[in-house]
């Protein structure tokens, strides 16, 4: 993933640029240091009240946000399309998922925060969970509403207040989220949006008002966030993308496996951290798999993301598209086979062809780097052991998929894959109750489920 990094000196406004047309849709002025401090002070003051607010009242707010999201889902989805190129019906699905997450924490948050008794041979003890304070959230553009919701819903329900620095690519979406909370009746300061460049977000970490940081984005930016948080000893959670493997075992239905991999890879323009980026199949069926995947991409409609039957829209920017094309070109020049695609699509907008690469070897760009776009890499292996070795031969460890009719065998393989999440017979997805997070260079900490809610609370021991 990528978080736009600009300095305040370089930019006077944050621009909303439509990747399908290249046109500027709207501009927002960068906030002054004085305005930023006002917002932080307001969030800190709000925390003093919000942490004392009954869970039932917090739940009412989250339920209202969920209701408004459902009422406005077409409007919000269109903003996703206009700002980052998401196909419209996928944007609607994203908004519906966000509403479900808000409802989930409204309905379960109080239970998750209940005191937890501890067994001890002497006396009695329990853990009390208490919110930390103002949290800084730095989020990327690829799921403009979901990325924010994934952290905002649990942490606001826990009693924290929340300050958002969204990607500069999606300022209209950031403004819309802020408006949702205002329209739902959130007290001033419970949720706040900052229109600032990425460099300013890093500076804010040292502000004493900020008590924790949650970040999703690139590995490079994540390291910078972790470094700044470490200097001032502040809790942080990082989700830094991945290069997810999808293992196709011998007993998997080939037609279903091809469709799962090929379509899963181009969802959201291929710009999903948990997208199946490395498809690992057995040598005996590899060529058949490749040709069937190519046939799917040959029939795929690429174009206007607002179109009803469009499957693949633009990537987020022309610069991102050009970087993808360079990654493909460098990989092919190193000896990989280009089966399909690999070129920009002529005309306005940041469009590229869906692409298939095979014969990708260690040392090639596509082998080691995350390819954040509609590029499907297919690896042929001789057996299950080699499949697991290739799956784990990456610095990332976010999600993974194993396809096979023998579920027990698939689970056995899943246990050997080095990742935070493994899905059996489906690509990695997200649900409110399912824990989300990775290992290795994909980051640390967890989001969603009870575990995600307890990341930014004090686990206070009380002994008597």
Protein backbone atom coordinates (compact mmCIF):
# COMPACT_ATOMS: atom_id res chain seq x y z
CA UNK A 1 0.00 0.00 0.00
CA UNK A 2 0.95 3.61 -0.39
CA UNK A 3 0.29 6.64 1.75
CA UNK A 4 0.78 9.95 -0.03
CA UNK A 5 3.64 11.79 1.68
CA UNK A 6 3.91 15.54 1.09
CA UNK A 7 5.18 18.42 3.15
CA UNK A 8 3.09 21.43 4.06
CA UNK A 9 5.51 23.58 2.09
CA UNK A 10 4.91 21.54 -1.07
CA UNK A 11 1.14 21.67 -1.04
CA UNK A 12 -1.37 24.37 -0.17
CA UNK A 13 -4.39 22.20 -0.92
CA UNK A 14 -5.21 18.51 -0.91
CA UNK A 15 -6.67 17.59 -4.28
CA UNK A 16 -9.30 14.99 -5.11
CA UNK A 17 -8.26 13.62 -8.53
CA UNK A 18 -10.47 11.21 -10.48
CA UNK A 19 -8.20 8.37 -11.68
CA UNK A 20 -10.60 7.49 -14.50
CA UNK A 21 -10.29 10.95 -16.06
CA UNK A 22 -7.26 12.59 -14.47
CA UNK A 23 -9.42 15.58 -13.58
CA UNK A 24 -9.34 17.43 -10.27
CA UNK A 25 -12.78 17.03 -8.68
CA UNK A 26 -12.34 19.12 -5.53
CA UNK A 27 -9.68 20.77 -3.37
CA UNK A 28 -9.36 21.14 0.39
CA UNK A 29 -7.04 23.63 2.12
CA UNK A 30 -4.29 22.16 4.27
CA UNK A 31 -4.96 22.92 7.93
CA UNK A 32 -2.75 25.37 9.78
CA UNK A 33 -0.76 24.33 12.84
CA UNK A 34 -3.15 26.43 14.93
CA UNK A 35 -6.19 24.59 13.59
CA UNK A 36 -4.54 21.20 14.15
CA UNK A 37 -3.82 22.10 17.77
CA UNK A 38 -7.44 23.22 18.24
CA UNK A 39 -8.66 19.86 16.96
CA UNK A 40 -6.30 17.92 19.22
CA UNK A 41 -7.31 19.97 22.25
CA UNK A 42 -10.96 19.38 21.43
CA UNK A 43 -10.38 15.63 21.08
CA UNK A 44 -8.57 15.57 24.44
CA UNK A 45 -11.38 17.46 26.16
CA UNK A 46 -13.95 15.17 24.55
CA UNK A 47 -12.11 12.12 25.88
CA UNK A 48 -12.60 13.27 29.47
CA UNK A 49 -16.35 13.07 28.93
CA UNK A 50 -16.53 10.23 26.42
CA UNK A 51 -14.70 7.73 28.63
CA UNK A 52 -17.42 8.31 31.26
CA UNK A 53 -20.26 8.00 28.75
CA UNK A 54 -22.32 4.81 29.29
CA UNK A 55 -21.76 2.02 26.79
CA UNK A 56 -25.41 2.20 25.80
CA UNK A 57 -24.95 5.82 24.66
CA UNK A 58 -21.76 4.99 22.78
CA UNK A 59 -23.63 2.15 21.09
CA UNK A 60 -26.43 4.50 20.09
CA UNK A 61 -23.92 6.71 18.28
CA UNK A 62 -22.36 3.78 16.42
CA UNK A 63 -25.80 2.45 15.46
CA UNK A 64 -26.73 5.84 14.06
CA UNK A 65 -23.51 6.01 12.03
CA UNK A 66 -24.30 2.54 10.64
CA UNK A 67 -27.83 3.61 9.75
CA UNK A 68 -26.63 6.73 7.95
CA UNK A 69 -24.06 4.71 6.03
CA UNK A 70 -26.77 2.42 4.73
CA UNK A 71 -28.97 5.38 3.81
CA UNK A 72 -26.10 7.02 1.92
CA UNK A 73 -24.40 3.92 0.54
CA UNK A 74 -24.81 4.88 -3.13
CA UNK A 75 -23.48 8.38 -2.48
CA UNK A 76 -20.55 7.10 -0.44
CA UNK A 77 -19.73 4.35 -2.94
CA UNK A 78 -19.64 6.90 -5.74
CA UNK A 79 -17.09 8.92 -3.79
CA UNK A 80 -14.87 5.82 -3.64
CA UNK A 81 -15.21 5.46 -7.40
CA UNK A 82 -14.48 9.11 -8.12
CA UNK A 83 -11.47 9.32 -5.82
CA UNK A 84 -9.68 5.96 -6.17
CA UNK A 85 -11.37 4.17 -9.07
CA UNK A 86 -13.27 1.45 -7.21
CA UNK A 87 -15.94 -0.24 -9.32
CA UNK A 88 -19.25 1.14 -8.05
CA UNK A 89 -20.90 -2.07 -6.86
CA UNK A 90 -17.73 -2.96 -4.95
CA UNK A 91 -17.95 0.44 -3.26
CA UNK A 92 -21.51 -0.33 -2.17
CA UNK A 93 -20.26 -3.59 -0.69
CA UNK A 94 -17.54 -1.75 1.20
CA UNK A 95 -20.03 0.67 2.75
CA UNK A 96 -22.34 -2.17 3.76
CA UNK A 97 -19.44 -3.94 5.46
CA UNK A 98 -18.60 -0.76 7.36
CA UNK A 99 -22.17 -0.47 8.61
CA UNK A 100 -21.99 -4.07 9.81
CA UNK A 101 -18.75 -3.33 11.70
CA UNK A 102 -20.29 -0.33 13.48
CA UNK A 103 -23.30 -2.46 14.42
CA UNK A 104 -21.05 -5.29 15.62
CA UNK A 105 -19.20 -3.13 18.13
CA UNK A 106 -22.37 -1.36 19.21
CA UNK A 107 -23.83 -4.77 20.04
CA UNK A 108 -20.71 -6.44 21.50
CA UNK A 109 -18.47 -3.66 22.77
CA UNK A 110 -19.70 -3.58 26.34
CA UNK A 111 -19.26 -7.35 26.63
CA UNK A 112 -15.73 -7.15 25.23
CA UNK A 113 -14.80 -4.47 27.76
CA UNK A 114 -16.22 -6.30 30.78
CA UNK A 115 -13.87 -7.04 33.67
CA UNK A 116 -12.05 -10.37 33.25
CA UNK A 117 -11.49 -12.40 36.44
CA UNK A 118 -8.08 -14.02 36.96
CA UNK A 119 -7.37 -17.25 38.78
CA UNK A 120 -4.99 -16.76 41.70
CA UNK A 121 -4.30 -18.97 44.75
CA UNK A 122 -4.47 -15.99 47.10
CA UNK A 123 -7.20 -13.40 47.25
CA UNK A 124 -9.03 -12.29 44.13
CA UNK A 125 -7.95 -10.44 41.00
CA UNK A 126 -9.39 -9.18 37.74
CA UNK A 127 -8.41 -7.19 34.67
CA UNK A 128 -10.23 -3.91 34.04
CA UNK A 129 -10.13 -2.50 30.53
CA UNK A 130 -9.89 1.28 30.30
CA UNK A 131 -9.50 3.54 27.23
CA UNK A 132 -6.18 5.29 26.66
CA UNK A 133 -7.23 8.66 25.24
CA UNK A 134 -6.83 10.38 21.85
CA UNK A 135 -5.75 8.04 19.06
CA UNK A 136 -4.14 9.11 15.81
CA UNK A 137 -5.23 7.01 12.83
CA UNK A 138 -3.25 7.18 9.56
CA UNK A 139 -5.07 5.34 6.78
CA UNK A 140 -4.62 4.57 3.04
CA UNK A 141 -6.83 5.16 0.04
CA UNK A 142 -7.64 1.66 -1.22
CA UNK A 143 -10.68 1.14 1.05
CA UNK A 144 -11.52 4.73 1.99
CA UNK A 145 -14.33 3.85 4.40
CA UNK A 146 -13.45 0.35 5.56
CA UNK A 147 -9.86 1.17 6.57
CA UNK A 148 -11.14 3.91 8.85
CA UNK A 149 -14.09 1.93 10.19
CA UNK A 150 -11.92 -1.05 11.08
CA UNK A 151 -10.19 1.01 13.77
CA UNK A 152 -12.68 3.79 14.51
CA UNK A 153 -15.63 1.59 15.46
CA UNK A 154 -13.93 -0.50 18.18
CA UNK A 155 -11.76 2.24 19.63
CA UNK A 156 -14.51 4.84 19.87
CA UNK A 157 -16.80 2.22 21.43
CA UNK A 158 -14.02 1.49 23.93
CA UNK A 159 -14.13 5.13 25.05
CA UNK A 160 -11.19 6.57 23.12
CA UNK A 161 -11.48 9.60 20.86
CA UNK A 162 -10.21 9.42 17.29
CA UNK A 163 -8.25 11.77 15.03
CA UNK A 164 -7.99 10.73 11.38
CA UNK A 165 -5.25 11.56 8.91
CA UNK A 166 -6.57 9.93 5.75
CA UNK A 167 -4.65 9.49 2.52
CA UNK A 168 -4.41 12.69 0.51
CA UNK A 169 -5.85 10.76 -2.45
CA UNK A 170 -9.32 10.51 -0.87
CA UNK A 171 -10.14 13.83 0.84
CA UNK A 172 -13.82 13.74 -0.13
CA UNK A 173 -14.19 10.35 1.52
CA UNK A 174 -12.42 11.62 4.64
CA UNK A 175 -14.76 14.60 4.78
CA UNK A 176 -17.78 12.32 4.29
CA UNK A 177 -16.77 10.14 7.26
CA UNK A 178 -16.38 13.22 9.45
CA UNK A 179 -19.83 14.37 8.33
CA UNK A 180 -21.35 10.96 9.17
CA UNK A 181 -20.25 11.30 12.78
CA UNK A 182 -21.47 14.89 13.02
CA UNK A 183 -24.84 13.99 11.52
CA UNK A 184 -25.12 11.02 13.88
CA UNK A 185 -24.81 13.40 16.83
CA UNK A 186 -21.26 12.61 17.95
CA UNK A 187 -20.02 15.05 20.61
CA UNK A 188 -17.44 17.45 19.16
CA UNK A 189 -14.00 15.87 19.33
CA UNK A 190 -15.04 12.22 19.46
CA UNK A 191 -14.17 11.86 15.76
CA UNK A 192 -12.07 14.47 13.94
CA UNK A 193 -10.57 14.67 10.46
CA UNK A 194 -7.28 16.37 9.66
CA UNK A 195 -6.45 17.67 6.19
CA UNK A 196 -2.68 17.50 6.47
CA UNK A 197 0.22 15.95 4.51
CA UNK A 198 1.74 12.67 5.63
CA UNK A 199 4.89 14.28 7.03
CA UNK A 200 2.77 16.31 9.45
CA UNK A 201 1.10 13.12 10.72
CA UNK A 202 4.49 11.74 11.75
CA UNK A 203 5.20 14.95 13.64
CA UNK A 204 1.94 14.64 15.57
CA UNK A 205 2.96 11.35 17.15
CA UNK A 206 5.17 13.19 19.64
CA UNK A 207 2.32 15.49 20.72
CA UNK A 208 1.51 14.57 24.34
CA UNK A 209 -2.22 14.60 23.58
CA UNK A 210 -1.83 11.59 21.25
CA UNK A 211 -1.85 8.36 23.28
CA UNK A 212 -1.67 5.77 20.49
CA UNK A 213 -1.28 5.37 16.74
CA UNK A 214 -2.93 2.98 14.31
CA UNK A 215 -1.49 2.84 10.82
CA UNK A 216 -2.20 1.02 7.57
CA UNK A 217 0.02 1.67 4.57
CA UNK A 218 3.37 1.00 2.99
CA UNK A 219 6.21 -0.81 4.68
CA UNK A 220 8.44 2.26 4.38
CA UNK A 221 5.90 4.63 5.92
CA UNK A 222 5.08 2.08 8.61
CA UNK A 223 8.71 1.89 9.70
CA UNK A 224 8.75 5.67 10.03
CA UNK A 225 5.57 5.61 12.12
CA UNK A 226 6.97 2.85 14.36
CA UNK A 227 10.21 4.75 14.81
CA UNK A 228 8.44 7.94 15.86
CA UNK A 229 6.08 6.08 18.19
CA UNK A 230 8.97 4.15 19.70
CA UNK A 231 10.85 7.34 20.51
CA UNK A 232 7.99 8.54 22.70
CA UNK A 233 6.94 5.07 23.93
CA UNK A 234 3.44 5.08 22.46
CA UNK A 235 1.37 2.04 21.62
CA UNK A 236 0.92 1.51 17.88
CA UNK A 237 -0.59 -1.03 15.51
CA UNK A 238 0.77 -1.54 11.99
CA UNK A 239 -0.76 -3.22 8.95
CA UNK A 240 1.76 -2.95 6.13
CA UNK A 241 0.37 -4.90 3.20
CA UNK A 242 1.37 -8.26 1.88
CA UNK A 243 2.12 -10.58 -0.98
CA UNK A 244 -0.46 -13.24 -0.23
CA UNK A 245 -0.07 -16.79 -1.56
CA UNK A 246 -2.96 -18.87 -2.85
CA UNK A 247 -2.11 -22.59 -2.85
CA UNK A 248 -4.08 -24.87 -5.18
CA UNK A 249 -3.80 -28.47 -3.98
CA UNK A 250 -4.15 -31.43 -6.37
CA UNK A 251 -7.70 -32.25 -5.32
CA UNK A 252 -9.05 -28.72 -5.83
CA UNK A 253 -11.64 -28.20 -8.55
CA UNK A 254 -9.56 -26.56 -11.27
CA UNK A 255 -12.27 -24.40 -12.81
CA UNK A 256 -13.33 -23.03 -9.43
CA UNK A 257 -9.71 -22.46 -8.41
CA UNK A 258 -8.94 -20.49 -11.57
CA UNK A 259 -11.99 -18.29 -11.16
CA UNK A 260 -11.27 -17.74 -7.46
CA UNK A 261 -7.71 -16.67 -8.16
CA UNK A 262 -8.25 -14.65 -11.35
CA UNK A 263 -11.30 -12.71 -10.17
CA UNK A 264 -10.00 -12.36 -6.63
CA UNK A 265 -6.85 -10.76 -7.97
CA UNK A 266 -8.57 -7.97 -9.89
CA UNK A 267 -11.09 -6.98 -7.23
CA UNK A 268 -10.60 -3.36 -6.18
CA UNK A 269 -8.26 -2.98 -9.13
CA UNK A 270 -5.89 -5.50 -7.57
CA UNK A 271 -5.24 -2.93 -4.84
CA UNK A 272 -5.97 -5.06 -1.79
CA UNK A 273 -3.31 -5.90 0.76
CA UNK A 274 -4.84 -9.38 1.15
CA UNK A 275 -5.38 -9.97 -2.58
CA UNK A 276 -4.15 -13.38 -3.87
CA UNK A 277 -0.96 -12.08 -5.47
CA UNK A 278 1.03 -15.33 -5.80
CA UNK A 279 -0.88 -18.31 -7.19
CA UNK A 280 0.88 -21.61 -6.45
CA UNK A 281 -0.31 -24.61 -8.50
CA UNK A 282 0.95 -28.11 -9.18
CA UNK A 283 3.06 -28.62 -12.30
CA UNK A 284 0.65 -31.19 -13.74
CA UNK A 285 -2.14 -28.63 -14.14
CA UNK A 286 -0.14 -25.39 -14.28
CA UNK A 287 -0.42 -24.75 -18.02
CA UNK A 288 -4.13 -25.56 -18.03
CA UNK A 289 -4.59 -23.18 -15.08
CA UNK A 290 -2.66 -20.44 -16.91
CA UNK A 291 -4.69 -20.72 -20.10
CA UNK A 292 -8.01 -20.70 -18.24
CA UNK A 293 -6.95 -17.60 -16.29
CA UNK A 294 -5.95 -15.93 -19.56
CA UNK A 295 -9.36 -16.74 -21.05
CA UNK A 296 -11.04 -14.99 -18.10
CA UNK A 297 -8.91 -11.87 -18.50
CA UNK A 298 -9.50 -11.77 -22.25
CA UNK A 299 -13.24 -11.44 -21.58
CA UNK A 300 -12.92 -9.01 -18.67
CA UNK A 301 -14.50 -5.59 -19.15
CA UNK A 302 -12.06 -2.83 -18.25
CA UNK A 303 -13.34 0.73 -18.23
CA UNK A 304 -15.55 3.28 -16.52
CA UNK A 305 -15.80 2.19 -12.86
CA UNK A 306 -19.30 3.69 -12.73
CA UNK A 307 -20.44 1.25 -15.44
CA UNK A 308 -22.80 -1.49 -14.33
CA UNK A 309 -20.88 -4.35 -15.97
CA UNK A 310 -17.33 -3.05 -15.49
CA UNK A 311 -15.09 -5.52 -13.67
CA UNK A 312 -11.84 -3.54 -13.60
CA UNK A 313 -11.47 0.21 -13.33
CA UNK A 314 -8.32 2.34 -13.17
CA UNK A 315 -5.65 2.08 -10.54
CA UNK A 316 -5.43 4.96 -8.11
CA UNK A 317 -3.06 7.27 -10.02
CA UNK A 318 -1.13 7.42 -13.26
CA UNK A 319 2.06 7.28 -11.20
CA UNK A 320 0.90 4.08 -9.51
CA UNK A 321 0.05 2.60 -12.91
CA UNK A 322 3.46 3.48 -14.30
CA UNK A 323 5.16 1.90 -11.28
CA UNK A 324 3.17 -1.30 -11.83
CA UNK A 325 4.15 -1.40 -15.50
CA UNK A 326 7.80 -0.96 -14.54
CA UNK A 327 7.59 -3.82 -12.05
CA UNK A 328 6.12 -6.03 -14.78
CA UNK A 329 8.71 -4.91 -17.34
CA UNK A 330 11.63 -5.47 -14.97
CA UNK A 331 10.33 -8.94 -14.10
CA UNK A 332 9.91 -9.92 -17.76
CA UNK A 333 13.34 -8.56 -18.63
CA UNK A 334 14.75 -10.80 -15.91
CA UNK A 335 13.28 -13.87 -17.61
CA UNK A 336 9.66 -14.20 -16.52
CA UNK A 337 6.99 -15.07 -19.08
CA UNK A 338 4.33 -12.46 -19.88
CA UNK A 339 1.21 -14.48 -20.66
CA UNK A 340 -1.25 -11.62 -20.97
CA UNK A 341 -1.50 -7.85 -20.56
CA UNK A 342 1.35 -5.82 -19.19
CA UNK A 343 0.51 -2.56 -20.95
CA UNK A 344 -1.21 0.73 -20.24
CA UNK A 345 -4.58 1.27 -21.89
CA UNK A 346 -4.60 4.26 -24.22
CA UNK A 347 -6.72 7.27 -23.35
CA UNK A 348 -7.35 9.36 -20.24
CA UNK A 349 -7.17 7.82 -16.82
CA UNK A 350 -4.84 5.44 -14.99
CA UNK A 351 -5.91 2.23 -16.75
CA UNK A 352 -3.80 -0.86 -17.39
CA UNK A 353 -4.51 -4.29 -18.77
CA UNK A 354 -5.07 -7.17 -16.36
CA UNK A 355 -1.78 -9.03 -16.46
CA UNK A 356 -0.53 -12.60 -16.02
CA UNK A 357 3.11 -13.50 -15.27
CA UNK A 358 4.63 -16.96 -14.91
CA UNK A 359 8.13 -18.38 -14.44
CA UNK A 360 8.79 -15.81 -11.74
CA UNK A 361 12.00 -16.71 -9.91
CA UNK A 362 13.88 -15.51 -6.84
CA UNK A 363 15.72 -12.28 -7.55
CA UNK A 364 12.99 -10.94 -9.83
CA UNK A 365 11.01 -7.85 -8.83
CA UNK A 366 7.65 -9.64 -8.81
CA UNK A 367 9.06 -12.38 -6.59
CA UNK A 368 10.11 -10.12 -3.75
CA UNK A 369 8.02 -6.94 -4.02
CA UNK A 370 4.32 -6.40 -3.39
CA UNK A 371 2.59 -5.83 -6.75
CA UNK A 372 -0.29 -3.52 -5.83
CA UNK A 373 -2.42 -3.77 -8.95
CA UNK A 374 -4.11 -6.25 -11.34
CA UNK A 375 -1.11 -8.51 -11.89
CA UNK A 376 -1.53 -12.26 -11.38
CA UNK A 377 1.70 -14.22 -10.77
CA UNK A 378 1.43 -18.00 -11.23
CA UNK A 379 4.02 -20.40 -9.79
CA UNK A 380 4.27 -24.08 -10.77
CA UNK A 381 5.51 -26.45 -8.04
CA UNK A 382 6.03 -30.21 -7.88
CA UNK A 383 4.33 -31.00 -4.56
CA UNK A 384 2.78 -29.74 -1.33
CA UNK A 385 6.12 -29.26 0.40
CA UNK A 386 7.40 -27.00 -2.37
CA UNK A 387 4.11 -25.11 -2.36
CA UNK A 388 4.55 -24.30 1.32
CA UNK A 389 8.19 -23.32 0.78
CA UNK A 390 7.30 -20.89 -2.01
CA UNK A 391 4.36 -19.51 0.00
CA UNK A 392 6.67 -18.72 2.91
CA UNK A 393 9.54 -17.38 0.80
CA UNK A 394 8.53 -13.75 1.28
CA UNK A 395 9.15 -11.01 3.81
CA UNK A 396 5.39 -10.50 4.10
CA UNK A 397 2.88 -12.52 6.11
CA UNK A 398 -0.60 -11.01 6.03
CA UNK A 399 -3.15 -13.39 4.49
CA UNK A 400 -3.20 -16.61 2.50
CA UNK A 401 -5.60 -19.05 0.86
CA UNK A 402 -5.53 -22.83 0.49
CA UNK A 403 -7.86 -24.51 -2.03
CA UNK A 404 -8.62 -28.25 -1.79
CA UNK A 405 -11.52 -30.65 -1.36
CA UNK A 406 -9.87 -32.45 1.57
CA UNK A 407 -10.50 -29.84 4.24
CA UNK A 408 -8.36 -31.50 6.90
CA UNK A 409 -5.41 -31.56 4.54
CA UNK A 410 -6.03 -27.93 3.61
CA UNK A 411 -6.01 -26.99 7.29
CA UNK A 412 -2.77 -28.92 7.78
CA UNK A 413 -1.20 -26.92 4.96
CA UNK A 414 -2.67 -23.69 6.36
CA UNK A 415 -0.93 -24.31 9.69
CA UNK A 416 2.41 -24.35 7.87
CA UNK A 417 1.89 -21.03 6.10
CA UNK A 418 3.58 -18.06 7.82
CA UNK A 419 0.80 -15.49 7.87
CA UNK A 420 -1.64 -13.82 10.23
CA UNK A 421 -4.70 -15.20 8.41
CA UNK A 422 -5.37 -18.23 6.21
CA UNK A 423 -8.69 -18.89 4.47
CA UNK A 424 -9.74 -22.31 3.21
CA UNK A 425 -11.47 -22.46 -0.19
CA UNK A 426 -12.01 -18.70 -0.41
CA UNK A 427 -9.81 -15.65 -0.78
CA UNK A 428 -9.04 -13.64 2.32
CA UNK A 429 -12.03 -11.56 3.30
CA UNK A 430 -13.03 -9.40 6.25
CA UNK A 431 -15.89 -9.74 8.70
CA UNK A 432 -16.44 -7.78 11.93
CA UNK A 433 -15.97 -10.85 14.13
CA UNK A 434 -12.81 -12.11 12.38
CA UNK A 435 -9.43 -11.01 13.69
CA UNK A 436 -7.33 -9.11 11.13
CA UNK A 437 -3.55 -8.65 11.06
CA UNK A 438 -0.23 -10.07 9.96
CA UNK A 439 3.27 -11.18 10.88
CA UNK A 440 6.76 -10.55 9.51
CA UNK A 441 6.95 -7.32 7.48
CA UNK A 442 3.17 -7.16 7.23
CA UNK A 443 3.12 -5.55 10.64
CA UNK A 444 1.91 -6.36 14.14
CA UNK A 445 -1.10 -5.88 16.33
CA UNK A 446 -4.65 -6.87 15.45
CA UNK A 447 -7.85 -5.22 14.29
CA UNK A 448 -11.50 -6.33 14.43
CA UNK A 449 -12.98 -8.96 16.77
CA UNK A 450 -12.49 -8.62 20.53
CA UNK A 451 -8.70 -8.66 20.12
CA UNK A 452 -8.82 -5.59 17.92
CA UNK A 453 -10.93 -3.67 20.40
CA UNK A 454 -8.48 -4.34 23.23
CA UNK A 455 -5.40 -3.03 21.39
CA UNK A 456 -5.82 0.54 22.68
CA UNK A 457 -7.04 0.01 26.22
CA UNK A 458 -5.17 -0.27 29.50
CA UNK A 459 -5.30 -3.86 30.73
CA UNK A 460 -5.35 -2.81 34.38
CA UNK A 461 -4.79 -5.46 37.04
CA UNK A 462 -6.87 -4.98 40.21
CA UNK A 463 -5.95 -7.31 43.08
CA UNK A 464 -7.64 -7.65 46.45
